[in-house]
Amino acid sequence: MPLTDALVRAVRVLEDVDPGLAAFTEDQLAQRWARPHLSVRERAIACLTVDVFYQTLGESMRLHAELARTAGATEETFRDLLRGLAEFGLARVWAAARELLS
């Protein structure tokens, strides 16, 4: 599966920082997002879960949210995800909700 537009844009931004790292990242993303075990939507939601608990609330979360939306996730999907995750880390979910839902 070729990289989605969102992933291509993310790699382009990284090219300005370090072309070698961008090439490595592109290769890694192409492999990870093409694995057959999860759909793009499922993988993006799993990545959002990691973003919430690691508090990577900037570019990473925005990228994963865009990928999830492109694959059919809605704002209600995100609200359901956050409510479920709140059982395991309310303070982190609270911070993530501001980023994801605003």
N, C-alpha and C. Protein backbone atom coordinates (compact mmCIF):
# COMPACT_ATOMS: atom_id res chain seq x y z
N MET A 1 0.84 -1.18 0.00
CA MET A 1 0.00 0.00 0.00
C MET A 1 0.89 1.24 0.00
N PRO A 2 0.68 2.16 -0.90
CA PRO A 2 1.48 3.39 -0.89
C PRO A 2 1.10 4.24 0.32
N LEU A 3 2.01 5.10 0.69
CA LEU A 3 1.74 6.00 1.82
C LEU A 3 0.56 6.89 1.52
N THR A 4 -0.24 7.17 2.53
CA THR A 4 -1.35 8.10 2.36
C THR A 4 -0.81 9.51 2.25
N ASP A 5 -1.65 10.43 1.80
CA ASP A 5 -1.24 11.83 1.66
C ASP A 5 -0.72 12.39 2.98
N ALA A 6 -1.38 12.05 4.08
CA ALA A 6 -0.97 12.56 5.39
C ALA A 6 0.44 12.07 5.76
N LEU A 7 0.73 10.81 5.48
CA LEU A 7 2.06 10.29 5.78
C LEU A 7 3.10 10.89 4.86
N VAL A 8 2.76 11.09 3.61
CA VAL A 8 3.70 11.72 2.65
C VAL A 8 4.03 13.13 3.12
N ARG A 9 3.02 13.89 3.55
CA ARG A 9 3.27 15.25 4.05
C ARG A 9 4.17 15.23 5.28
N ALA A 10 3.97 14.29 6.17
CA ALA A 10 4.79 14.19 7.38
C ALA A 10 6.25 13.92 7.01
N VAL A 11 6.47 13.06 6.05
CA VAL A 11 7.84 12.76 5.61
C VAL A 11 8.46 13.98 4.94
N ARG A 12 7.70 14.72 4.15
CA ARG A 12 8.24 15.93 3.49
C ARG A 12 8.72 16.94 4.52
N VAL A 13 7.97 17.11 5.59
CA VAL A 13 8.39 18.04 6.64
C VAL A 13 9.72 17.59 7.24
N LEU A 14 9.86 16.29 7.45
CA LEU A 14 11.08 15.74 8.02
C LEU A 14 12.27 15.89 7.07
N GLU A 15 12.03 15.90 5.77
CA GLU A 15 13.13 16.06 4.81
C GLU A 15 13.89 17.35 5.02
N ASP A 16 13.20 18.40 5.46
CA ASP A 16 13.87 19.67 5.73
C ASP A 16 14.79 19.58 6.94
N VAL A 17 14.50 18.66 7.84
CA VAL A 17 15.30 18.50 9.05
C VAL A 17 16.48 17.57 8.79
N ASP A 18 16.21 16.41 8.20
CA ASP A 18 17.26 15.42 7.95
C ASP A 18 16.78 14.46 6.85
N PRO A 19 17.32 14.61 5.63
CA PRO A 19 16.88 13.76 4.52
C PRO A 19 17.08 12.27 4.77
N GLY A 20 18.15 11.89 5.44
CA GLY A 20 18.39 10.47 5.73
C GLY A 20 17.35 9.91 6.68
N LEU A 21 17.03 10.69 7.70
CA LEU A 21 15.99 10.27 8.64
C LEU A 21 14.63 10.22 7.95
N ALA A 22 14.40 11.15 7.04
CA ALA A 22 13.14 11.15 6.29
C ALA A 22 13.02 9.87 5.45
N ALA A 23 14.10 9.48 4.79
CA ALA A 23 14.07 8.27 3.96
C ALA A 23 13.81 7.03 4.82
N PHE A 24 14.48 6.96 5.97
CA PHE A 24 14.27 5.84 6.89
C PHE A 24 12.82 5.82 7.37
N THR A 25 12.31 6.99 7.74
CA THR A 25 10.95 7.11 8.23
C THR A 25 9.94 6.69 7.17
N GLU A 26 10.16 7.12 5.95
CA GLU A 26 9.26 6.75 4.85
C GLU A 26 9.21 5.24 4.69
N ASP A 27 10.36 4.60 4.74
CA ASP A 27 10.42 3.14 4.62
C ASP A 27 9.67 2.47 5.78
N GLN A 28 9.90 2.94 6.99
CA GLN A 28 9.24 2.36 8.16
C GLN A 28 7.73 2.55 8.10
N LEU A 29 7.29 3.76 7.74
CA LEU A 29 5.86 4.02 7.66
C LEU A 29 5.20 3.16 6.59
N ALA A 30 5.86 3.02 5.46
CA ALA A 30 5.30 2.21 4.37
C ALA A 30 5.11 0.76 4.84
N GLN A 31 6.07 0.25 5.59
CA GLN A 31 5.95 -1.12 6.08
C GLN A 31 4.85 -1.25 7.14
N ARG A 32 4.84 -0.34 8.09
CA ARG A 32 3.90 -0.46 9.21
C ARG A 32 2.46 -0.26 8.79
N TRP A 33 2.20 0.72 7.94
CA TRP A 33 0.82 1.03 7.59
C TRP A 33 0.27 0.09 6.54
N ALA A 34 1.11 -0.77 5.98
CA ALA A 34 0.64 -1.73 4.98
C ALA A 34 0.43 -3.13 5.55
N ARG A 35 0.78 -3.33 6.81
CA ARG A 35 0.60 -4.66 7.40
C ARG A 35 -0.88 -5.04 7.38
N PRO A 36 -1.16 -6.30 7.08
CA PRO A 36 -2.55 -6.71 6.88
C PRO A 36 -3.35 -6.97 8.16
N HIS A 37 -2.72 -6.95 9.31
CA HIS A 37 -3.40 -7.37 10.54
C HIS A 37 -4.42 -6.36 11.06
N LEU A 38 -4.21 -5.09 10.75
CA LEU A 38 -5.12 -4.04 11.18
C LEU A 38 -5.47 -3.17 9.97
N SER A 39 -6.68 -2.65 9.96
CA SER A 39 -7.02 -1.68 8.93
C SER A 39 -6.33 -0.36 9.26
N VAL A 40 -6.30 0.56 8.32
CA VAL A 40 -5.72 1.88 8.58
C VAL A 40 -6.45 2.54 9.74
N ARG A 41 -7.77 2.43 9.75
CA ARG A 41 -8.56 3.03 10.83
C ARG A 41 -8.18 2.43 12.19
N GLU A 42 -8.09 1.11 12.25
CA GLU A 42 -7.74 0.44 13.50
C GLU A 42 -6.33 0.83 13.95
N ARG A 43 -5.40 0.85 13.02
CA ARG A 43 -4.01 1.21 13.36
C ARG A 43 -3.94 2.66 13.83
N ALA A 44 -4.67 3.56 13.17
CA ALA A 44 -4.66 4.97 13.57
C ALA A 44 -5.25 5.14 14.97
N ILE A 45 -6.31 4.41 15.27
CA ILE A 45 -6.91 4.49 16.61
C ILE A 45 -5.96 3.91 17.66
N ALA A 46 -5.28 2.84 17.32
CA ALA A 46 -4.28 2.29 18.25
C ALA A 46 -3.17 3.32 18.48
N CYS A 47 -2.74 3.99 17.43
CA CYS A 47 -1.71 5.02 17.56
C CYS A 47 -2.21 6.20 18.39
N LEU A 48 -3.48 6.55 18.24
CA LEU A 48 -4.05 7.61 19.08
C LEU A 48 -4.03 7.22 20.55
N THR A 49 -4.29 5.96 20.82
CA THR A 49 -4.24 5.47 22.20
C THR A 49 -2.84 5.67 22.77
N VAL A 50 -1.84 5.33 21.99
CA VAL A 50 -0.45 5.53 22.43
C VAL A 50 -0.16 7.01 22.60
N ASP A 51 -0.65 7.84 21.68
CA ASP A 51 -0.46 9.30 21.82
C ASP A 51 -1.03 9.81 23.14
N VAL A 52 -2.21 9.32 23.49
CA VAL A 52 -2.84 9.76 24.74
C VAL A 52 -1.98 9.39 25.93
N PHE A 53 -1.56 8.14 26.01
CA PHE A 53 -0.84 7.69 27.19
C PHE A 53 0.60 8.16 27.24
N TYR A 54 1.22 8.42 26.09
CA TYR A 54 2.58 8.98 26.07
C TYR A 54 2.55 10.51 26.02
N GLN A 55 1.33 11.07 25.87
CA GLN A 55 1.13 12.52 25.81
C GLN A 55 1.87 13.16 24.64
N THR A 56 1.90 12.47 23.50
CA THR A 56 2.42 13.04 22.26
C THR A 56 1.24 13.72 21.58
N LEU A 57 0.93 14.93 22.04
CA LEU A 57 -0.32 15.59 21.69
C LEU A 57 -0.18 16.57 20.53
N GLY A 58 0.96 16.69 19.95
CA GLY A 58 1.14 17.64 18.86
C GLY A 58 0.99 16.99 17.50
N GLU A 59 2.07 17.06 16.72
CA GLU A 59 2.03 16.58 15.34
C GLU A 59 1.63 15.11 15.24
N SER A 60 2.13 14.30 16.15
CA SER A 60 1.83 12.87 16.10
C SER A 60 0.33 12.63 16.22
N MET A 61 -0.28 13.26 17.21
CA MET A 61 -1.72 13.08 17.41
C MET A 61 -2.51 13.61 16.23
N ARG A 62 -2.11 14.77 15.72
CA ARG A 62 -2.83 15.34 14.56
C ARG A 62 -2.73 14.41 13.35
N LEU A 63 -1.56 13.84 13.12
CA LEU A 63 -1.37 12.91 12.00
C LEU A 63 -2.25 11.67 12.18
N HIS A 64 -2.24 11.10 13.36
CA HIS A 64 -3.04 9.89 13.58
C HIS A 64 -4.53 10.18 13.50
N ALA A 65 -4.95 11.34 13.98
CA ALA A 65 -6.36 11.72 13.87
C ALA A 65 -6.75 11.90 12.40
N GLU A 66 -5.88 12.53 11.61
CA GLU A 66 -6.17 12.70 10.19
C GLU A 66 -6.27 11.35 9.48
N LEU A 67 -5.36 10.44 9.80
CA LEU A 67 -5.41 9.11 9.20
C LEU A 67 -6.70 8.38 9.59
N ALA A 68 -7.08 8.50 10.85
CA ALA A 68 -8.32 7.85 11.31
C ALA A 68 -9.53 8.45 10.61
N ARG A 69 -9.57 9.78 10.50
CA ARG A 69 -10.70 10.43 9.82
C ARG A 69 -10.78 10.01 8.35
N THR A 70 -9.63 9.97 7.70
CA THR A 70 -9.60 9.57 6.29
C THR A 70 -10.12 8.15 6.12
N ALA A 71 -9.92 7.33 7.14
CA ALA A 71 -10.36 5.93 7.09
C ALA A 71 -11.75 5.73 7.70
N GLY A 72 -12.47 6.83 7.98
CA GLY A 72 -13.85 6.70 8.40
C GLY A 72 -14.18 7.03 9.85
N ALA A 73 -13.18 7.33 10.66
CA ALA A 73 -13.48 7.69 12.05
C ALA A 73 -14.15 9.06 12.09
N THR A 74 -15.05 9.22 13.04
CA THR A 74 -15.78 10.47 13.21
C THR A 74 -15.42 11.10 14.56
N GLU A 75 -15.93 12.28 14.80
CA GLU A 75 -15.71 12.92 16.10
C GLU A 75 -16.29 12.04 17.21
N GLU A 76 -17.40 11.37 16.94
CA GLU A 76 -17.98 10.46 17.93
C GLU A 76 -17.04 9.29 18.21
N THR A 77 -16.34 8.81 17.19
CA THR A 77 -15.33 7.76 17.37
C THR A 77 -14.29 8.23 18.37
N PHE A 78 -13.82 9.47 18.18
CA PHE A 78 -12.79 10.01 19.09
C PHE A 78 -13.34 10.19 20.50
N ARG A 79 -14.57 10.65 20.61
CA ARG A 79 -15.17 10.82 21.94
C ARG A 79 -15.32 9.47 22.64
N ASP A 80 -15.75 8.46 21.90
CA ASP A 80 -15.86 7.11 22.47
C ASP A 80 -14.49 6.60 22.92
N LEU A 81 -13.48 6.80 22.09
CA LEU A 81 -12.13 6.37 22.42
C LEU A 81 -11.67 7.04 23.71
N LEU A 82 -11.84 8.35 23.80
CA LEU A 82 -11.38 9.08 24.98
C LEU A 82 -12.14 8.64 26.24
N ARG A 83 -13.44 8.43 26.11
CA ARG A 83 -14.20 7.97 27.28
C ARG A 83 -13.71 6.59 27.75
N GLY A 84 -13.41 5.72 26.80
CA GLY A 84 -12.90 4.41 27.17
C GLY A 84 -11.53 4.49 27.81
N LEU A 85 -10.66 5.33 27.27
CA LEU A 85 -9.31 5.46 27.81
C LEU A 85 -9.31 6.16 29.17
N ALA A 86 -10.33 6.96 29.45
CA ALA A 86 -10.40 7.68 30.73
C ALA A 86 -10.40 6.72 31.92
N GLU A 87 -10.85 5.51 31.70
CA GLU A 87 -10.83 4.50 32.76
C GLU A 87 -9.40 4.21 33.22
N PHE A 88 -8.43 4.46 32.37
CA PHE A 88 -7.04 4.07 32.64
C PHE A 88 -6.10 5.25 32.83
N GLY A 89 -6.59 6.45 32.66
CA GLY A 89 -5.72 7.61 32.82
C GLY A 89 -6.46 8.91 32.57
N LEU A 90 -7.30 9.29 33.51
CA LEU A 90 -8.17 10.45 33.31
C LEU A 90 -7.39 11.73 33.03
N ALA A 91 -6.33 11.99 33.77
CA ALA A 91 -5.58 13.24 33.57
C ALA A 91 -4.98 13.31 32.17
N ARG A 92 -4.48 12.21 31.67
CA ARG A 92 -3.89 12.20 30.33
C ARG A 92 -4.97 12.35 29.26
N VAL A 93 -6.11 11.72 29.49
CA VAL A 93 -7.22 11.83 28.54
C VAL A 93 -7.74 13.26 28.52
N TRP A 94 -7.82 13.88 29.65
CA TRP A 94 -8.30 15.25 29.75
C TRP A 94 -7.42 16.17 28.89
N ALA A 95 -6.11 16.03 29.01
CA ALA A 95 -5.19 16.83 28.20
C ALA A 95 -5.35 16.51 26.71
N ALA A 96 -5.48 15.23 26.40
CA ALA A 96 -5.62 14.82 25.00
C ALA A 96 -6.93 15.30 24.39
N ALA A 97 -7.98 15.32 25.18
CA ALA A 97 -9.28 15.76 24.69
C ALA A 97 -9.22 17.19 24.19
N ARG A 98 -8.50 18.03 24.90
CA ARG A 98 -8.36 19.44 24.45
C ARG A 98 -7.72 19.50 23.07
N GLU A 99 -6.75 18.67 22.85
CA GLU A 99 -6.04 18.66 21.56
C GLU A 99 -6.88 18.02 20.46
N LEU A 100 -7.50 16.91 20.77
CA LEU A 100 -8.19 16.12 19.76
C LEU A 100 -9.56 16.67 19.39
N LEU A 101 -10.25 17.23 20.35
CA LEU A 101 -11.64 17.64 20.11
C LEU A 101 -11.81 19.14 19.89
N SER A 102 -10.75 19.90 19.97
CA SER A 102 -10.91 21.35 19.78
C SER A 102 -10.51 21.80 18.40
